N, C-alpha and C. Protein backbone atom coordinates (compact mmCIF):
# COMPACT_ATOMS: atom_id res chain seq x y z
N UNK A 1 -19.72 -34.80 39.20
CA UNK A 1 -20.12 -34.79 37.71
C UNK A 1 -20.36 -33.37 37.31
N UNK A 2 -21.09 -32.64 38.12
CA UNK A 2 -21.38 -31.23 37.77
C UNK A 2 -20.15 -30.41 37.66
N UNK A 3 -19.20 -30.70 38.56
CA UNK A 3 -17.92 -29.91 38.55
C UNK A 3 -17.18 -30.19 37.30
N UNK A 4 -17.20 -31.43 36.80
CA UNK A 4 -16.50 -31.70 35.53
C UNK A 4 -17.10 -31.01 34.34
N UNK A 5 -18.46 -30.91 34.32
CA UNK A 5 -19.09 -30.18 33.31
C UNK A 5 -18.80 -28.72 33.33
N UNK A 6 -18.78 -28.15 34.55
CA UNK A 6 -18.37 -26.75 34.64
C UNK A 6 -17.03 -26.46 34.20
N UNK A 7 -16.11 -27.30 34.51
CA UNK A 7 -14.66 -27.13 34.08
C UNK A 7 -14.61 -27.28 32.57
N UNK A 8 -15.35 -28.19 31.98
CA UNK A 8 -15.31 -28.30 30.52
C UNK A 8 -15.94 -27.03 29.87
N UNK A 9 -16.91 -26.55 30.44
CA UNK A 9 -17.58 -25.29 29.86
C UNK A 9 -16.60 -24.17 29.99
N UNK A 10 -15.88 -24.01 31.10
CA UNK A 10 -14.96 -22.94 31.26
C UNK A 10 -13.78 -23.11 30.31
N UNK A 11 -13.25 -24.32 30.12
CA UNK A 11 -12.18 -24.54 29.12
C UNK A 11 -12.64 -24.13 27.71
N UNK A 12 -13.83 -24.52 27.30
CA UNK A 12 -14.35 -24.10 26.06
C UNK A 12 -14.49 -22.62 25.86
N UNK A 13 -14.93 -21.95 26.92
CA UNK A 13 -15.02 -20.48 26.85
C UNK A 13 -13.59 -19.82 26.78
N UNK A 14 -12.64 -20.40 27.52
CA UNK A 14 -11.25 -19.85 27.45
C UNK A 14 -10.77 -19.96 26.07
N UNK A 15 -10.92 -21.09 25.32
CA UNK A 15 -10.46 -21.29 23.98
C UNK A 15 -11.20 -20.27 23.02
N UNK A 16 -12.52 -20.20 23.21
CA UNK A 16 -13.20 -19.30 22.32
C UNK A 16 -12.83 -17.83 22.47
N UNK A 17 -12.58 -17.47 23.73
CA UNK A 17 -12.10 -16.12 24.02
C UNK A 17 -10.77 -15.78 23.29
N UNK A 18 -9.94 -16.82 23.22
CA UNK A 18 -8.60 -16.59 22.60
C UNK A 18 -8.59 -16.68 21.11
N UNK A 19 -9.68 -17.16 20.58
CA UNK A 19 -9.71 -17.42 19.05
C UNK A 19 -10.67 -16.52 18.32
N UNK A 20 -11.35 -15.60 18.99
CA UNK A 20 -12.27 -14.77 18.29
C UNK A 20 -11.93 -13.30 18.56
N UNK A 21 -12.47 -12.34 17.73
CA UNK A 21 -12.24 -10.97 17.96
C UNK A 21 -12.44 -10.14 16.72
N UNK A 22 -12.28 -8.87 16.90
CA UNK A 22 -12.40 -7.86 15.86
C UNK A 22 -10.98 -7.31 15.71
N UNK A 23 -10.44 -7.20 14.58
CA UNK A 23 -9.10 -6.70 14.34
C UNK A 23 -9.06 -5.60 13.24
N UNK A 24 -8.29 -4.59 13.41
CA UNK A 24 -8.15 -3.50 12.45
C UNK A 24 -6.66 -3.42 12.08
N UNK A 25 -6.35 -3.40 10.78
CA UNK A 25 -4.97 -3.10 10.32
C UNK A 25 -5.15 -1.89 9.33
N UNK A 26 -4.31 -0.92 9.65
CA UNK A 26 -4.24 0.32 8.80
C UNK A 26 -3.30 0.01 7.62
N UNK A 27 -3.77 -0.01 6.35
CA UNK A 27 -2.99 -0.22 5.24
C UNK A 27 -2.71 1.06 4.47
N UNK A 28 -1.45 1.23 4.22
CA UNK A 28 -1.08 2.46 3.53
C UNK A 28 0.43 2.51 3.56
N UNK A 29 0.99 3.62 3.18
CA UNK A 29 2.42 3.68 3.36
C UNK A 29 3.12 4.65 2.44
N UNK A 30 4.34 4.21 2.10
CA UNK A 30 5.34 5.02 1.49
C UNK A 30 5.11 5.25 -0.08
N UNK A 31 3.88 5.60 -0.49
CA UNK A 31 3.58 5.77 -1.82
C UNK A 31 3.44 4.49 -2.64
N UNK A 32 3.26 3.37 -1.95
CA UNK A 32 3.22 2.08 -2.57
C UNK A 32 1.81 1.85 -3.05
N UNK A 33 1.72 1.17 -4.21
CA UNK A 33 0.42 0.73 -4.75
C UNK A 33 -0.09 -0.56 -4.09
N UNK A 34 -1.30 -0.63 -3.81
CA UNK A 34 -1.87 -1.84 -3.16
C UNK A 34 -2.30 -2.80 -4.21
N UNK A 35 -1.94 -4.03 -4.14
CA UNK A 35 -2.21 -5.08 -5.13
C UNK A 35 -3.52 -5.71 -4.67
N UNK A 36 -4.13 -6.42 -5.61
CA UNK A 36 -5.34 -7.20 -5.29
C UNK A 36 -4.97 -8.46 -4.52
N UNK A 37 -5.94 -9.03 -3.87
CA UNK A 37 -5.71 -10.27 -3.09
C UNK A 37 -5.32 -11.50 -3.85
N UNK A 38 -5.58 -11.50 -5.16
CA UNK A 38 -5.28 -12.63 -6.00
C UNK A 38 -4.01 -12.67 -6.69
N UNK A 39 -3.22 -11.46 -6.50
CA UNK A 39 -1.89 -11.42 -7.06
C UNK A 39 -0.87 -11.99 -6.04
N UNK A 40 0.00 -12.83 -6.65
CA UNK A 40 1.03 -13.51 -5.77
C UNK A 40 2.24 -12.60 -5.62
N UNK A 41 3.03 -12.80 -4.58
CA UNK A 41 4.23 -12.08 -4.38
C UNK A 41 5.03 -12.77 -3.34
N UNK A 42 6.15 -12.08 -3.00
CA UNK A 42 7.03 -12.74 -1.99
C UNK A 42 6.97 -11.91 -0.69
N UNK A 43 7.04 -12.60 0.36
CA UNK A 43 6.95 -12.03 1.67
C UNK A 43 8.20 -11.09 1.91
N UNK A 44 7.92 -9.88 2.38
CA UNK A 44 8.99 -8.95 2.68
C UNK A 44 9.01 -8.52 4.15
N UNK A 45 7.90 -8.63 4.77
CA UNK A 45 7.82 -8.33 6.21
C UNK A 45 6.65 -8.88 6.93
N UNK A 46 6.71 -9.18 8.24
CA UNK A 46 5.53 -9.58 8.93
C UNK A 46 5.79 -9.12 10.39
N UNK A 47 4.60 -8.87 11.07
CA UNK A 47 4.70 -8.51 12.49
C UNK A 47 3.49 -8.89 13.19
N UNK A 48 3.58 -9.12 14.50
CA UNK A 48 2.49 -9.51 15.37
C UNK A 48 1.90 -8.20 15.83
N UNK A 49 0.56 -8.11 15.75
CA UNK A 49 -0.13 -6.92 16.24
C UNK A 49 -0.96 -7.31 17.39
N UNK A 50 -0.95 -6.53 18.45
CA UNK A 50 -1.58 -6.81 19.77
C UNK A 50 -2.78 -5.94 19.93
N UNK A 51 -3.87 -6.51 20.58
CA UNK A 51 -5.08 -5.75 20.81
C UNK A 51 -5.62 -6.08 22.15
N UNK A 52 -6.36 -5.12 22.76
CA UNK A 52 -7.06 -5.28 23.96
C UNK A 52 -8.61 -5.37 23.70
N UNK A 53 -9.29 -5.85 24.65
CA UNK A 53 -10.78 -6.01 24.46
C UNK A 53 -11.08 -6.92 23.31
N UNK A 54 -10.40 -8.00 23.19
CA UNK A 54 -10.57 -9.08 22.18
C UNK A 54 -10.47 -8.54 20.77
N UNK A 55 -9.64 -7.59 20.53
CA UNK A 55 -9.48 -7.08 19.17
C UNK A 55 -10.01 -5.69 18.88
N UNK A 56 -10.69 -5.15 19.75
CA UNK A 56 -11.32 -3.78 19.49
C UNK A 56 -10.31 -2.65 19.52
N UNK A 57 -9.43 -2.63 20.53
CA UNK A 57 -8.49 -1.62 20.72
C UNK A 57 -7.10 -2.06 20.43
N UNK A 58 -6.41 -1.56 19.41
CA UNK A 58 -5.08 -1.89 19.20
C UNK A 58 -4.13 -1.36 20.28
N UNK A 59 -3.21 -2.09 20.79
CA UNK A 59 -2.21 -1.66 21.85
C UNK A 59 -0.88 -1.71 21.27
N UNK A 60 -0.65 -2.09 20.04
CA UNK A 60 0.63 -1.95 19.31
C UNK A 60 0.34 -1.30 18.00
N UNK A 61 1.46 -1.00 17.30
CA UNK A 61 1.29 -0.33 15.97
C UNK A 61 0.57 -1.24 15.04
N UNK A 62 -0.60 -0.84 14.62
CA UNK A 62 -1.36 -1.65 13.68
C UNK A 62 -1.36 -1.20 12.30
N UNK A 63 -0.34 -0.42 11.90
CA UNK A 63 -0.21 0.17 10.62
C UNK A 63 0.82 -0.62 9.78
N UNK A 64 0.75 -0.70 8.52
CA UNK A 64 1.71 -1.34 7.67
C UNK A 64 2.70 -0.23 6.95
N UNK A 65 2.57 0.94 7.43
CA UNK A 65 3.35 2.06 6.86
C UNK A 65 4.86 1.73 6.78
N UNK A 66 5.41 1.32 7.92
CA UNK A 66 6.90 1.04 7.99
C UNK A 66 7.34 -0.33 7.63
N UNK A 67 6.38 -1.20 7.26
CA UNK A 67 6.75 -2.66 7.14
C UNK A 67 7.57 -2.87 5.83
N UNK A 68 7.17 -2.35 4.70
CA UNK A 68 7.80 -2.59 3.46
C UNK A 68 8.90 -1.57 3.16
N UNK A 69 10.04 -1.93 2.65
CA UNK A 69 11.03 -0.93 2.30
C UNK A 69 10.50 0.01 1.16
N UNK A 70 11.10 1.20 1.11
CA UNK A 70 10.64 2.15 0.11
C UNK A 70 10.85 1.75 -1.31
N UNK A 71 11.74 0.79 -1.47
CA UNK A 71 12.05 0.38 -2.86
C UNK A 71 10.96 -0.55 -3.45
N UNK A 72 10.11 -1.08 -2.55
CA UNK A 72 8.93 -1.89 -3.01
C UNK A 72 7.93 -0.91 -3.52
N UNK A 73 7.45 -1.16 -4.77
CA UNK A 73 6.44 -0.31 -5.41
C UNK A 73 5.00 -0.80 -5.24
N UNK A 74 4.79 -2.12 -5.27
CA UNK A 74 3.44 -2.69 -5.16
C UNK A 74 3.48 -3.73 -4.14
N UNK A 75 2.39 -3.69 -3.15
CA UNK A 75 2.34 -4.59 -2.12
C UNK A 75 0.93 -5.18 -1.96
N UNK A 76 0.95 -6.44 -1.34
CA UNK A 76 -0.29 -7.02 -0.97
C UNK A 76 -0.24 -7.28 0.55
N UNK A 77 -1.26 -6.98 1.28
CA UNK A 77 -1.26 -7.08 2.75
C UNK A 77 -2.21 -8.27 3.15
N UNK A 78 -1.80 -9.11 4.00
CA UNK A 78 -2.63 -10.16 4.51
C UNK A 78 -2.57 -10.12 6.10
N UNK A 79 -3.73 -10.40 6.64
CA UNK A 79 -3.76 -10.58 8.11
C UNK A 79 -4.12 -12.06 8.35
N UNK A 80 -3.42 -12.68 9.22
CA UNK A 80 -3.56 -14.11 9.50
C UNK A 80 -3.51 -14.39 10.95
N UNK A 81 -3.95 -15.50 11.32
CA UNK A 81 -3.85 -16.10 12.71
C UNK A 81 -2.87 -17.28 12.57
N UNK A 82 -1.72 -17.15 12.90
CA UNK A 82 -0.73 -18.21 12.86
C UNK A 82 -1.01 -19.17 14.04
N UNK A 83 -0.46 -20.30 14.02
CA UNK A 83 -0.59 -21.26 15.15
C UNK A 83 -0.13 -20.60 16.40
N UNK A 84 0.96 -19.92 16.35
CA UNK A 84 1.43 -19.20 17.55
C UNK A 84 0.49 -18.18 18.08
N UNK A 85 -0.20 -17.44 17.10
CA UNK A 85 -1.17 -16.50 17.55
C UNK A 85 -2.29 -17.15 18.31
N UNK A 86 -2.77 -18.25 17.82
CA UNK A 86 -3.81 -18.98 18.53
C UNK A 86 -3.40 -19.43 19.86
N UNK A 87 -2.13 -20.03 20.03
CA UNK A 87 -1.74 -20.42 21.32
C UNK A 87 -1.62 -19.25 22.29
N UNK A 88 -0.98 -18.15 21.87
CA UNK A 88 -0.84 -17.02 22.73
C UNK A 88 -2.18 -16.48 23.15
N UNK A 89 -3.17 -16.28 22.13
CA UNK A 89 -4.42 -15.69 22.44
C UNK A 89 -5.33 -16.60 23.30
N UNK A 90 -5.14 -17.87 23.27
CA UNK A 90 -5.88 -18.76 24.13
C UNK A 90 -5.63 -18.34 25.69
N UNK A 91 -4.43 -17.95 25.95
CA UNK A 91 -4.09 -17.69 27.41
C UNK A 91 -4.27 -16.16 27.67
N UNK A 92 -3.81 -15.29 26.77
CA UNK A 92 -4.00 -13.83 27.03
C UNK A 92 -5.34 -13.41 26.82
N UNK A 93 -6.13 -14.13 26.03
CA UNK A 93 -7.55 -13.81 25.76
C UNK A 93 -8.39 -13.78 27.11
N UNK A 94 -7.91 -14.47 28.10
CA UNK A 94 -8.62 -14.47 29.35
C UNK A 94 -8.63 -13.12 30.04
N UNK A 95 -7.67 -12.22 29.71
CA UNK A 95 -7.62 -10.91 30.21
C UNK A 95 -7.87 -9.83 29.04
N UNK A 96 -8.47 -10.37 27.94
CA UNK A 96 -8.88 -9.56 26.83
C UNK A 96 -7.79 -9.19 25.85
N UNK A 97 -6.56 -9.69 26.06
CA UNK A 97 -5.43 -9.40 25.12
C UNK A 97 -5.29 -10.47 24.07
N UNK A 98 -5.39 -10.09 22.78
CA UNK A 98 -5.25 -10.96 21.70
C UNK A 98 -4.31 -10.53 20.66
N UNK A 99 -3.92 -11.39 19.73
CA UNK A 99 -2.98 -10.88 18.64
C UNK A 99 -3.20 -11.59 17.32
N UNK A 100 -2.78 -11.00 16.29
CA UNK A 100 -2.77 -11.68 14.89
C UNK A 100 -1.47 -11.11 14.22
N UNK A 101 -1.30 -11.67 13.04
CA UNK A 101 -0.05 -11.41 12.31
C UNK A 101 -0.39 -10.66 10.98
N UNK A 102 0.31 -9.55 10.71
CA UNK A 102 0.11 -8.84 9.40
C UNK A 102 1.33 -9.22 8.59
N UNK A 103 1.02 -9.46 7.31
CA UNK A 103 2.13 -9.89 6.43
C UNK A 103 2.02 -8.99 5.21
N UNK A 104 3.24 -8.45 4.78
CA UNK A 104 3.26 -7.61 3.55
C UNK A 104 4.10 -8.38 2.52
N UNK A 105 3.54 -8.47 1.31
CA UNK A 105 4.10 -9.22 0.18
C UNK A 105 4.46 -8.21 -0.86
N UNK A 106 5.64 -8.33 -1.49
CA UNK A 106 6.04 -7.52 -2.78
C UNK A 106 5.43 -8.23 -3.91
N UNK A 107 4.73 -7.40 -4.70
CA UNK A 107 4.10 -7.96 -5.96
C UNK A 107 4.81 -7.36 -7.12
N UNK A 108 5.26 -8.14 -8.10
CA UNK A 108 6.04 -7.60 -9.21
C UNK A 108 5.07 -7.16 -10.33
């Protein structure tokens, strides 16, 4: 009985490690204007950003500089955790590697 409780606690810790963290996205770019979060737009680019130490240290490019084409004048950036991000991070979070998704929207 004690072993089952221990396994349950370990599974809960594994899920929590994969679903939590601190994430930094550098927003900027090719002279584009940044739109407010309440302006709607169409998705022009997205990428998965990888981090070590549960989100403290970026280990992939965490910048939006090259994501939107130069022809786009006004952008809105969102960072999300997709279902796939959660699944990946549940397993890789055990060794402190997690991810999230950065999305760039063109605002007219």
